[in-house]
PDB file of N, CA and C in Angstrom:
ATOM      1  N   UNK A   1       0.836  -1.173   0.000  1.00  0.00           N
ATOM      2  CA  UNK A   1       0.000   0.000   0.000  1.00  0.00           C
ATOM      3  C   UNK A   1       0.887   1.245   0.000  1.00  0.00           C
ATOM      4  N   UNK A   2       0.442   2.272  -0.712  1.00  0.00           N
ATOM      5  CA  UNK A   2       1.214   3.505  -0.801  1.00  0.00           C
ATOM      6  C   UNK A   2       0.911   4.401   0.386  1.00  0.00           C
ATOM      7  N   UNK A   3       1.939   4.836   1.085  1.00  0.00           N
ATOM      8  CA  UNK A   3       1.677   5.774   2.186  1.00  0.00           C
ATOM      9  C   UNK A   3       1.403   7.171   1.612  1.00  0.00           C
ATOM     10  N   UNK A   4       0.209   7.694   1.877  1.00  0.00           N
ATOM     11  CA  UNK A   4      -0.174   9.018   1.394  1.00  0.00           C
ATOM     12  C   UNK A   4      -0.346   9.963   2.570  1.00  0.00           C
ATOM     13  N   UNK A   5       0.276  11.101   2.457  1.00  0.00           N
ATOM     14  CA  UNK A   5       0.031  12.134   3.454  1.00  0.00           C
ATOM     15  C   UNK A   5      -1.173  12.958   3.012  1.00  0.00           C
ATOM     16  N   UNK A   6      -1.615  13.817   3.860  1.00  0.00           N
ATOM     17  CA  UNK A   6      -2.757  14.683   3.544  1.00  0.00           C
ATOM     18  C   UNK A   6      -2.435  15.578   2.355  1.00  0.00           C
ATOM     19  N   UNK A   7      -1.200  16.060   2.302  1.00  0.00           N
ATOM     20  CA  UNK A   7      -0.805  16.918   1.184  1.00  0.00           C
ATOM     21  C   UNK A   7      -0.829  16.163  -0.142  1.00  0.00           C
ATOM     22  N   UNK A   8      -0.369  14.912  -0.130  1.00  0.00           N
ATOM     23  CA  UNK A   8      -0.405  14.103  -1.348  1.00  0.00           C
ATOM     24  C   UNK A   8      -1.840  13.835  -1.787  1.00  0.00           C
ATOM     25  N   UNK A   9      -2.708  13.555  -0.824  1.00  0.00           N
ATOM     26  CA  UNK A   9      -4.108  13.302  -1.132  1.00  0.00           C
ATOM     27  C   UNK A   9      -4.776  14.551  -1.718  1.00  0.00           C
ATOM     28  N   UNK A  10      -4.520  15.711  -1.121  1.00  0.00           N
ATOM     29  CA  UNK A  10      -5.085  16.957  -1.640  1.00  0.00           C
ATOM     30  C   UNK A  10      -4.559  17.268  -3.035  1.00  0.00           C
ATOM     31  N   UNK A  11      -3.279  16.995  -3.262  1.00  0.00           N
ATOM     32  CA  UNK A  11      -2.691  17.230  -4.578  1.00  0.00           C
ATOM     33  C   UNK A  11      -3.312  16.306  -5.625  1.00  0.00           C
ATOM     34  N   UNK A  12      -3.527  15.050  -5.274  1.00  0.00           N
ATOM     35  CA  UNK A  12      -4.142  14.103  -6.203  1.00  0.00           C
ATOM     36  C   UNK A  12      -5.578  14.491  -6.517  1.00  0.00           C
ATOM     37  N   UNK A  13      -6.335  14.828  -5.503  1.00  0.00           N
ATOM     38  CA  UNK A  13      -7.734  15.220  -5.711  1.00  0.00           C
ATOM     39  C   UNK A  13      -7.817  16.486  -6.546  1.00  0.00           C
ATOM     40  N   UNK A  14      -6.947  17.454  -6.270  1.00  0.00           N
ATOM     41  CA  UNK A  14      -6.992  18.700  -7.040  1.00  0.00           C
ATOM     42  C   UNK A  14      -6.579  18.472  -8.491  1.00  0.00           C
ATOM     43  N   UNK A  15      -5.629  17.569  -8.734  1.00  0.00           N
ATOM     44  CA  UNK A  15      -5.238  17.272 -10.118  1.00  0.00           C
ATOM     45  C   UNK A  15      -6.375  16.604 -10.874  1.00  0.00           C
ATOM     46  N   UNK A  16      -7.075  15.680 -10.219  1.00  0.00           N
ATOM     47  CA  UNK A  16      -8.213  15.014 -10.855  1.00  0.00           C
ATOM     48  C   UNK A  16      -9.333  16.012 -11.121  1.00  0.00           C
ATOM     49  N   UNK A  17      -9.615  16.880 -10.161  1.00  0.00           N
ATOM     50  CA  UNK A  17     -10.655  17.896 -10.365  1.00  0.00           C
ATOM     51  C   UNK A  17     -10.298  18.843 -11.504  1.00  0.00           C
ATOM     52  N   UNK A  18      -9.030  19.228 -11.570  1.00  0.00           N
ATOM     53  CA  UNK A  18      -8.612  20.121 -12.641  1.00  0.00           C
ATOM     54  C   UNK A  18      -8.770  19.462 -14.009  1.00  0.00           C
ATOM     55  N   UNK A  19      -8.354  18.202 -14.121  1.00  0.00           N
ATOM     56  CA  UNK A  19      -8.492  17.488 -15.393  1.00  0.00           C
ATOM     57  C   UNK A  19      -9.970  17.298 -15.764  1.00  0.00           C
ATOM     58  N   UNK A  20     -10.808  17.001 -14.779  1.00  0.00           N
ATOM     59  CA  UNK A  20     -12.246  16.875 -15.050  1.00  0.00           C
ATOM     60  C   UNK A  20     -12.823  18.208 -15.515  1.00  0.00           C
ATOM     61  N   UNK A  21     -12.347  19.307 -14.933  1.00  0.00           N
ATOM     62  CA  UNK A  21     -12.798  20.625 -15.356  1.00  0.00           C
ATOM     63  C   UNK A  21     -12.401  20.944 -16.786  1.00  0.00           C
ATOM     64  N   UNK A  22     -11.180  20.589 -17.150  1.00  0.00           N
ATOM     65  CA  UNK A  22     -10.715  20.835 -18.518  1.00  0.00           C
ATOM     66  C   UNK A  22     -11.528  20.010 -19.515  1.00  0.00           C
ATOM     67  N   UNK A  23     -11.780  18.743 -19.181  1.00  0.00           N
ATOM     68  CA  UNK A  23     -12.565  17.880 -20.068  1.00  0.00           C
ATOM     69  C   UNK A  23     -14.001  18.394 -20.187  1.00  0.00           C
ATOM     70  N   UNK A  24     -14.580  18.841 -19.082  1.00  0.00           N
ATOM     71  CA  UNK A  24     -15.955  19.351 -19.102  1.00  0.00           C
ATOM     72  C   UNK A  24     -16.052  20.630 -19.923  1.00  0.00           C
ATOM     73  N   UNK A  25     -15.097  21.517 -19.784  1.00  0.00           N
ATOM     74  CA  UNK A  25     -15.104  22.741 -20.586  1.00  0.00           C
ATOM     75  C   UNK A  25     -14.956  22.395 -22.066  1.00  0.00           C
ATOM     76  N   UNK A  26     -14.057  21.468 -22.366  1.00  0.00           N
ATOM     77  CA  UNK A  26     -13.885  21.049 -23.763  1.00  0.00           C
ATOM     78  C   UNK A  26     -15.164  20.457 -24.343  1.00  0.00           C
ATOM     79  N   UNK A  27     -15.836  19.609 -23.564  1.00  0.00           N
ATOM     80  CA  UNK A  27     -17.083  19.011 -24.041  1.00  0.00           C
ATOM     81  C   UNK A  27     -18.168  20.071 -24.228  1.00  0.00           C
ATOM     82  N   UNK A  28     -18.219  21.052 -23.333  1.00  0.00           N
ATOM     83  CA  UNK A  28     -19.198  22.129 -23.469  1.00  0.00           C
ATOM     84  C   UNK A  28     -18.958  22.965 -24.715  1.00  0.00           C
ATOM     85  N   UNK A  29     -17.711  23.248 -24.995  1.00  0.00           N
ATOM     86  CA  UNK A  29     -17.386  24.028 -26.198  1.00  0.00           C
ATOM     87  C   UNK A  29     -17.716  23.223 -27.455  1.00  0.00           C
ATOM     88  N   UNK A  30     -17.420  21.926 -27.434  1.00  0.00           N
ATOM     89  CA  UNK A  30     -17.746  21.084 -28.590  1.00  0.00           C
ATOM     90  C   UNK A  30     -19.251  21.042 -28.810  1.00  0.00           C
ATOM     91  N   UNK A  31     -20.027  20.934 -27.738  1.00  0.00           N
ATOM     92  CA  UNK A  31     -21.485  20.944 -27.861  1.00  0.00           C
ATOM     93  C   UNK A  31     -21.962  22.272 -28.423  1.00  0.00           C
ATOM     94  N   UNK A  32     -21.407  23.358 -27.927  1.00  0.00           N
ATOM     95  CA  UNK A  32     -21.816  24.674 -28.430  1.00  0.00           C
ATOM     96  C   UNK A  32     -21.503  24.829 -29.914  1.00  0.00           C
ATOM     97  N   UNK A  33     -20.347  24.361 -30.332  1.00  0.00           N
ATOM     98  CA  UNK A  33     -19.944  24.545 -31.727  1.00  0.00           C
ATOM     99  C   UNK A  33     -20.714  23.610 -32.654  1.00  0.00           C
ATOM    100  N   UNK A  34     -20.834  22.341 -32.296  1.00  0.00           N
ATOM    101  CA  UNK A  34     -21.442  21.383 -33.217  1.00  0.00           C
ATOM    102  C   UNK A  34     -22.954  21.439 -33.222  1.00  0.00           C
ATOM    103  N   UNK A  35     -23.585  21.546 -32.083  1.00  0.00           N
ATOM    104  CA  UNK A  35     -25.043  21.496 -32.028  1.00  0.00           C
ATOM    105  C   UNK A  35     -25.672  22.805 -32.488  1.00  0.00           C
ATOM    106  N   UNK A  36     -25.138  23.905 -32.013  1.00  0.00           N
ATOM    107  CA  UNK A  36     -25.749  25.199 -32.324  1.00  0.00           C
ATOM    108  C   UNK A  36     -25.417  25.634 -33.741  1.00  0.00           C
ATOM    109  N   UNK A  37     -24.206  25.377 -34.187  1.00  0.00           N
ATOM    110  CA  UNK A  37     -23.785  25.830 -35.505  1.00  0.00           C
ATOM    111  C   UNK A  37     -23.855  24.723 -36.558  1.00  0.00           C
ATOM    112  N   UNK A  38     -24.603  23.676 -36.291  1.00  0.00           N
ATOM    113  CA  UNK A  38     -24.670  22.542 -37.208  1.00  0.00           C
ATOM    114  C   UNK A  38     -25.276  22.923 -38.549  1.00  0.00           C
ATOM    115  N   UNK A  39     -24.720  22.382 -39.628  1.00  0.00           N
ATOM    116  CA  UNK A  39     -25.195  22.682 -40.977  1.00  0.00           C
ATOM    117  C   UNK A  39     -26.547  22.060 -41.265  1.00  0.00           C
ATOM    118  N   UNK A  40     -26.811  20.894 -40.676  1.00  0.00           N
ATOM    119  CA  UNK A  40     -28.100  20.237 -40.903  1.00  0.00           C
ATOM    120  C   UNK A  40     -29.246  21.078 -40.355  1.00  0.00           C
ATOM    121  N   UNK A  41     -29.017  21.671 -39.208  1.00  0.00           N
ATOM    122  CA  UNK A  41     -30.050  22.495 -38.594  1.00  0.00           C
ATOM    123  C   UNK A  41     -30.356  23.721 -39.446  1.00  0.00           C
ATOM    124  N   UNK A  42     -29.336  24.326 -40.003  1.00  0.00           N
ATOM    125  CA  UNK A  42     -29.539  25.486 -40.876  1.00  0.00           C
ATOM    126  C   UNK A  42     -30.295  25.089 -42.142  1.00  0.00           C
ATOM    127  N   UNK A  43     -29.966  23.928 -42.680  1.00  0.00           N
ATOM    128  CA  UNK A  43     -30.630  23.469 -43.897  1.00  0.00           C
ATOM    129  C   UNK A  43     -32.112  23.188 -43.632  1.00  0.00           C
ATOM    130  N   UNK A  44     -32.425  22.571 -42.512  1.00  0.00           N
ATOM    131  CA  UNK A  44     -33.827  22.305 -42.181  1.00  0.00           C
ATOM    132  C   UNK A  44     -34.584  23.609 -41.976  1.00  0.00           C
ATOM    133  N   UNK A  45     -33.976  24.578 -41.339  1.00  0.00           N
ATOM    134  CA  UNK A  45     -34.620  25.866 -41.122  1.00  0.00           C
ATOM    135  C   UNK A  45     -34.887  26.571 -42.449  1.00  0.00           C
ATOM    136  N   UNK A  46     -33.919  26.542 -43.352  1.00  0.00           N
ATOM    137  CA  UNK A  46     -34.111  27.174 -44.665  1.00  0.00           C
ATOM    138  C   UNK A  46     -35.235  26.500 -45.444  1.00  0.00           C
ATOM    139  N   UNK A  47     -35.271  25.173 -45.407  1.00  0.00           N
ATOM    140  CA  UNK A  47     -36.319  24.466 -46.138  1.00  0.00           C
ATOM    141  C   UNK A  47     -37.697  24.691 -45.519  1.00  0.00           C
ATOM    142  N   UNK A  48     -37.762  24.794 -44.206  1.00  0.00           N
ATOM    143  CA  UNK A  48     -39.046  25.056 -43.558  1.00  0.00           C
ATOM    144  C   UNK A  48     -39.544  26.451 -43.893  1.00  0.00           C
ATOM    145  N   UNK A  49     -38.640  27.421 -43.963  1.00  0.00           N
ATOM    146  CA  UNK A  49     -39.069  28.775 -44.325  1.00  0.00           C
ATOM    147  C   UNK A  49     -39.515  28.835 -45.785  1.00  0.00           C
ATOM    148  N   UNK A  50     -38.846  28.083 -46.671  1.00  0.00           N
ATOM    149  CA  UNK A  50     -39.288  28.025 -48.067  1.00  0.00           C
ATOM    150  C   UNK A  50     -40.647  27.352 -48.171  1.00  0.00           C
ATOM    151  N   UNK A  51     -40.875  26.343 -47.361  1.00  0.00           N
ATOM    152  CA  UNK A  51     -42.161  25.657 -47.335  1.00  0.00           C
ATOM    153  C   UNK A  51     -43.270  26.593 -46.859  1.00  0.00           C
ATOM    154  N   UNK A  52     -42.960  27.396 -45.845  1.00  0.00           N
ATOM    155  CA  UNK A  52     -43.953  28.360 -45.352  1.00  0.00           C
ATOM    156  C   UNK A  52     -44.259  29.411 -46.411  1.00  0.00           C
ATOM    157  N   UNK A  53     -43.232  29.880 -47.120  1.00  0.00           N
ATOM    158  CA  UNK A  53     -43.461  30.861 -48.189  1.00  0.00           C
ATOM    159  C   UNK A  53     -44.327  30.268 -49.299  1.00  0.00           C
ATOM    160  N   UNK A  54     -44.076  29.025 -49.638  1.00  0.00           N
ATOM    161  CA  UNK A  54     -44.878  28.366 -50.672  1.00  0.00           C
ATOM    162  C   UNK A  54     -46.319  28.198 -50.203  1.00  0.00           C
ATOM    163  N   UNK A  55     -46.491  27.885 -48.932  1.00  0.00           N
ATOM    164  CA  UNK A  55     -47.844  27.750 -48.385  1.00  0.00           C
ATOM    165  C   UNK A  55     -48.596  29.064 -48.390  1.00  0.00           C
ATOM    166  N   UNK A  56     -47.910  30.149 -48.126  1.00  0.00           N
ATOM    167  CA  UNK A  56     -48.546  31.469 -48.153  1.00  0.00           C
ATOM    168  C   UNK A  56     -48.898  31.840 -49.587  1.00  0.00           C
ATOM    169  N   UNK A  57     -48.000  31.560 -50.518  1.00  0.00           N
ATOM    170  CA  UNK A  57     -48.245  31.912 -51.917  1.00  0.00           C
ATOM    171  C   UNK A  57     -49.417  31.110 -52.487  1.00  0.00           C
ATOM    172  N   UNK A  58     -49.555  29.862 -52.068  1.00  0.00           N
ATOM    173  CA  UNK A  58     -50.622  29.031 -52.604  1.00  0.00           C
ATOM    174  C   UNK A  58     -51.848  29.007 -51.687  1.00  0.00           C
ATOM    175  N   UNK A  59     -51.820  29.794 -50.606  1.00  0.00           N
ATOM    176  CA  UNK A  59     -52.930  29.939 -49.679  1.00  0.00           C
ATOM    177  C   UNK A  59     -53.310  28.596 -49.042  1.00  0.00           C
ATOM    178  N   UNK A  60     -52.314  27.899 -48.544  1.00  0.00           N
ATOM    179  CA  UNK A  60     -52.535  26.641 -47.835  1.00  0.00           C
ATOM    180  C   UNK A  60     -52.192  26.900 -46.367  1.00  0.00           C
ATOM    181  N   UNK A  61     -53.220  27.114 -45.541  1.00  0.00           N
ATOM    182  CA  UNK A  61     -52.995  27.524 -44.158  1.00  0.00           C
ATOM    183  C   UNK A  61     -52.421  26.393 -43.302  1.00  0.00           C
ATOM    184  N   UNK A  62     -52.774  25.156 -43.562  1.00  0.00           N
ATOM    185  CA  UNK A  62     -52.234  24.044 -42.778  1.00  0.00           C
ATOM    186  C   UNK A  62     -50.756  23.876 -42.972  1.00  0.00           C
ATOM    187  N   UNK A  63     -50.299  24.090 -44.185  1.00  0.00           N
ATOM    188  CA  UNK A  63     -48.876  23.974 -44.486  1.00  0.00           C
ATOM    189  C   UNK A  63     -48.084  25.060 -43.757  1.00  0.00           C
ATOM    190  N   UNK A  64     -48.635  26.251 -43.717  1.00  0.00           N
ATOM    191  CA  UNK A  64     -47.963  27.356 -43.033  1.00  0.00           C
ATOM    192  C   UNK A  64     -47.901  27.088 -41.535  1.00  0.00           C
ATOM    193  N   UNK A  65     -49.001  26.575 -40.978  1.00  0.00           N
ATOM    194  CA  UNK A  65     -49.025  26.290 -39.543  1.00  0.00           C
ATOM    195  C   UNK A  65     -48.018  25.220 -39.159  1.00  0.00           C
ATOM    196  N   UNK A  66     -47.935  24.162 -39.949  1.00  0.00           N
ATOM    197  CA  UNK A  66     -46.978  23.097 -39.650  1.00  0.00           C
ATOM    198  C   UNK A  66     -45.540  23.561 -39.827  1.00  0.00           C
ATOM    199  N   UNK A  67     -45.289  24.381 -40.817  1.00  0.00           N
ATOM    200  CA  UNK A  67     -43.930  24.902 -41.019  1.00  0.00           C
ATOM    201  C   UNK A  67     -43.530  25.813 -39.861  1.00  0.00           C
ATOM    202  N   UNK A  68     -44.463  26.621 -39.372  1.00  0.00           N
ATOM    203  CA  UNK A  68     -44.130  27.494 -38.243  1.00  0.00           C
ATOM    204  C   UNK A  68     -43.895  26.678 -36.976  1.00  0.00           C
ATOM    205  N   UNK A  69     -44.628  25.585 -36.784  1.00  0.00           N
ATOM    206  CA  UNK A  69     -44.380  24.718 -35.629  1.00  0.00           C
ATOM    207  C   UNK A  69     -43.002  24.067 -35.730  1.00  0.00           C
ATOM    208  N   UNK A  70     -42.611  23.698 -36.950  1.00  0.00           N
ATOM    209  CA  UNK A  70     -41.291  23.107 -37.162  1.00  0.00           C
ATOM    210  C   UNK A  70     -40.191  24.109 -36.827  1.00  0.00           C
ATOM    211  N   UNK A  71     -40.358  25.344 -37.255  1.00  0.00           N
ATOM    212  CA  UNK A  71     -39.354  26.378 -36.961  1.00  0.00           C
ATOM    213  C   UNK A  71     -39.280  26.643 -35.462  1.00  0.00           C
ATOM    214  N   UNK A  72     -40.435  26.670 -34.777  1.00  0.00           N
ATOM    215  CA  UNK A  72     -40.439  26.856 -33.321  1.00  0.00           C
ATOM    216  C   UNK A  72     -39.731  25.699 -32.610  1.00  0.00           C
ATOM    217  N   UNK A  73     -39.964  24.487 -33.092  1.00  0.00           N
ATOM    218  CA  UNK A  73     -39.297  23.324 -32.501  1.00  0.00           C
ATOM    219  C   UNK A  73     -37.788  23.385 -32.702  1.00  0.00           C
ATOM    220  N   UNK A  74     -37.359  23.836 -33.863  1.00  0.00           N
ATOM    221  CA  UNK A  74     -35.924  23.964 -34.120  1.00  0.00           C
ATOM    222  C   UNK A  74     -35.306  25.037 -33.224  1.00  0.00           C
ATOM    223  N   UNK A  75     -36.020  26.123 -32.994  1.00  0.00           N
ATOM    224  CA  UNK A  75     -35.510  27.158 -32.094  1.00  0.00           C
ATOM    225  C   UNK A  75     -35.364  26.624 -30.675  1.00  0.00           C
ATOM    226  N   UNK A  76     -36.348  25.815 -30.232  1.00  0.00           N
ATOM    227  CA  UNK A  76     -36.241  25.204 -28.905  1.00  0.00           C
ATOM    228  C   UNK A  76     -35.059  24.250 -28.832  1.00  0.00           C
ATOM    229  N   UNK A  77     -34.800  23.521 -29.918  1.00  0.00           N
ATOM    230  CA  UNK A  77     -33.669  22.599 -29.964  1.00  0.00           C
ATOM    231  C   UNK A  77     -32.346  23.352 -29.828  1.00  0.00           C
ATOM    232  N   UNK A  78     -32.228  24.472 -30.502  1.00  0.00           N
ATOM    233  CA  UNK A  78     -31.003  25.263 -30.430  1.00  0.00           C
ATOM    234  C   UNK A  78     -30.819  25.824 -29.030  1.00  0.00           C
ATOM    235  N   UNK A  79     -31.908  26.310 -28.428  1.00  0.00           N
ATOM    236  CA  UNK A  79     -31.802  26.847 -27.060  1.00  0.00           C
ATOM    237  C   UNK A  79     -31.384  25.764 -26.078  1.00  0.00           C
ATOM    238  N   UNK A  80     -31.931  24.565 -26.227  1.00  0.00           N
ATOM    239  CA  UNK A  80     -31.583  23.472 -25.325  1.00  0.00           C
ATOM    240  C   UNK A  80     -30.119  23.074 -25.486  1.00  0.00           C
ATOM    241  N   UNK A  81     -29.660  22.945 -26.710  1.00  0.00           N
ATOM    242  CA  UNK A  81     -28.263  22.558 -26.947  1.00  0.00           C
ATOM    243  C   UNK A  81     -27.310  23.615 -26.423  1.00  0.00           C
ATOM    244  N   UNK A  82     -27.632  24.878 -26.623  1.00  0.00           N
ATOM    245  CA  UNK A  82     -26.726  25.920 -26.129  1.00  0.00           C
ATOM    246  C   UNK A  82     -26.778  25.994 -24.605  1.00  0.00           C
ATOM    247  N   UNK A  83     -27.932  25.707 -24.021  1.00  0.00           N
ATOM    248  CA  UNK A  83     -28.029  25.695 -22.560  1.00  0.00           C
ATOM    249  C   UNK A  83     -27.182  24.596 -21.947  1.00  0.00           C
ATOM    250  N   UNK A  84     -27.201  23.430 -22.549  1.00  0.00           N
ATOM    251  CA  UNK A  84     -26.383  22.316 -22.057  1.00  0.00           C
ATOM    252  C   UNK A  84     -24.899  22.655 -22.194  1.00  0.00           C
ATOM    253  N   UNK A  85     -24.511  23.241 -23.314  1.00  0.00           N
ATOM    254  CA  UNK A  85     -23.111  23.612 -23.518  1.00  0.00           C
ATOM    255  C   UNK A  85     -22.633  24.650 -22.517  1.00  0.00           C
ATOM    256  N   UNK A  86     -23.444  25.668 -22.289  1.00  0.00           N
ATOM    257  CA  UNK A  86     -23.072  26.715 -21.328  1.00  0.00           C
ATOM    258  C   UNK A  86     -23.001  26.148 -19.917  1.00  0.00           C
ATOM    259  N   UNK A  87     -23.952  25.269 -19.572  1.00  0.00           N
ATOM    260  CA  UNK A  87     -23.945  24.643 -18.251  1.00  0.00           C
ATOM    261  C   UNK A  87     -22.671  23.826 -18.046  1.00  0.00           C
ATOM    262  N   UNK A  88     -22.248  23.096 -19.072  1.00  0.00           N
ATOM    263  CA  UNK A  88     -21.036  22.291 -18.942  1.00  0.00           C
ATOM    264  C   UNK A  88     -19.793  23.164 -18.797  1.00  0.00           C
ATOM    265  N   UNK A  89     -19.763  24.292 -19.497  1.00  0.00           N
ATOM    266  CA  UNK A  89     -18.626  25.208 -19.355  1.00  0.00           C
ATOM    267  C   UNK A  89     -18.586  25.778 -17.937  1.00  0.00           C
ATOM    268  N   UNK A  90     -19.735  26.144 -17.395  1.00  0.00           N
ATOM    269  CA  UNK A  90     -19.783  26.690 -16.027  1.00  0.00           C
ATOM    270  C   UNK A  90     -19.346  25.636 -15.015  1.00  0.00           C
ATOM    271  N   UNK A  91     -19.832  24.401 -15.173  1.00  0.00           N
ATOM    272  CA  UNK A  91     -19.431  23.321 -14.265  1.00  0.00           C
ATOM    273  C   UNK A  91     -17.925  23.073 -14.363  1.00  0.00           C
ATOM    274  N   UNK A  92     -17.368  23.168 -15.561  1.00  0.00           N
ATOM    275  CA  UNK A  92     -15.923  22.998 -15.733  1.00  0.00           C
ATOM    276  C   UNK A  92     -15.135  24.055 -14.984  1.00  0.00           C
ATOM    277  N   UNK A  93     -15.606  25.309 -15.046  1.00  0.00           N
ATOM    278  CA  UNK A  93     -14.927  26.369 -14.302  1.00  0.00           C
ATOM    279  C   UNK A  93     -15.057  26.159 -12.798  1.00  0.00           C
ATOM    280  N   UNK A  94     -16.196  25.673 -12.340  1.00  0.00           N
ATOM    281  CA  UNK A  94     -16.375  25.406 -10.906  1.00  0.00           C
ATOM    282  C   UNK A  94     -15.424  24.293 -10.463  1.00  0.00           C
ATOM    283  N   UNK A  95     -15.289  23.259 -11.271  1.00  0.00           N
ATOM    284  CA  UNK A  95     -14.355  22.183 -10.930  1.00  0.00           C
ATOM    285  C   UNK A  95     -12.917  22.697 -10.872  1.00  0.00           C
ATOM    286  N   UNK A  96     -12.546  23.544 -11.808  1.00  0.00           N
ATOM    287  CA  UNK A  96     -11.186  24.085 -11.811  1.00  0.00           C
ATOM    288  C   UNK A  96     -10.952  25.011 -10.614  1.00  0.00           C
ATOM    289  N   UNK A  97     -11.960  25.792 -10.249  1.00  0.00           N
ATOM    290  CA  UNK A  97     -11.823  26.667  -9.074  1.00  0.00           C
ATOM    291  C   UNK A  97     -11.716  25.849  -7.795  1.00  0.00           C
ATOM    292  N   UNK A  98     -12.488  24.761  -7.692  1.00  0.00           N
ATOM    293  CA  UNK A  98     -12.382  23.921  -6.498  1.00  0.00           C
ATOM    294  C   UNK A  98     -11.007  23.250  -6.435  1.00  0.00           C
ATOM    295  N   UNK A  99     -10.439  22.892  -7.571  1.00  0.00           N
ATOM    296  CA  UNK A  99      -9.081  22.332  -7.583  1.00  0.00           C
ATOM    297  C   UNK A  99      -8.078  23.369  -7.091  1.00  0.00           C
ATOM    298  N   UNK A 100      -8.269  24.610  -7.487  1.00  0.00           N
ATOM    299  CA  UNK A 100      -7.373  25.683  -7.028  1.00  0.00           C
ATOM    300  C   UNK A 100      -7.480  25.869  -5.517  1.00  0.00           C
ATOM    301  N   UNK A 101      -8.712  25.862  -4.990  1.00  0.00           N
ATOM    302  CA  UNK A 101      -8.875  26.057  -3.552  1.00  0.00           C
ATOM    303  C   UNK A 101      -8.304  24.882  -2.755  1.00  0.00           C
ATOM    304  N   UNK A 102      -8.340  23.682  -3.332  1.00  0.00           N
ATOM    305  CA  UNK A 102      -7.692  22.561  -2.655  1.00  0.00           C
ATOM    306  C   UNK A 102      -6.172  22.712  -2.680  1.00  0.00           C
ATOM    307  N   UNK A 103      -5.636  23.237  -3.774  1.00  0.00           N
ATOM    308  CA  UNK A 103      -4.189  23.456  -3.847  1.00  0.00           C
ATOM    309  C   UNK A 103      -3.729  24.511  -2.845  1.00  0.00           C
ATOM    310  N   UNK A 104      -4.565  25.481  -2.592  1.00  0.00           N
ATOM    311  CA  UNK A 104      -4.206  26.524  -1.628  1.00  0.00           C
ATOM    312  C   UNK A 104      -4.099  25.944  -0.215  1.00  0.00           C
ATOM    313  N   UNK A 105      -4.852  24.879   0.059  1.00  0.00           N
ATOM    314  CA  UNK A 105      -4.842  24.262   1.393  1.00  0.00           C
ATOM    315  C   UNK A 105      -3.570  23.475   1.693  1.00  0.00           C
ATOM    316  N   UNK A 106      -2.797  23.167   0.661  1.00  0.00           N
ATOM    317  CA  UNK A 106      -1.569  22.399   0.866  1.00  0.00           C
ATOM    318  C   UNK A 106      -0.515  23.296   1.509  1.00  0.00           C
ATOM    319  N   UNK A 107       0.106  22.778   2.561  1.00  0.00           N
ATOM    320  CA  UNK A 107       1.123  23.569   3.303  1.00  0.00           C
ATOM    321  C   UNK A 107       2.472  23.405   2.659  1.00  0.00           C
TER     322      UNK A 107
END
């Protein structure tokens, strides 16, 4: 068994917390970049708006209503993805700050 002092234990815990914080921030940034700025989402939004314009031009009210519901759903999807990404970035910073405060406790 490895003899660990309190300082060694605090150093190990703070290193693990710091690495978890870096990974969490990285995952949050990846979510923000890929989910919010995804090309598929932009293409679906463009096609739904073209569908709504066609429905208005041809006076088809059901088509316009369904296209507007689709656009609203896509907006909710973007808000949810960006919320998850921002939350992960904040949690990553909290983990890194807690690692710093543990390092300060080492004598």
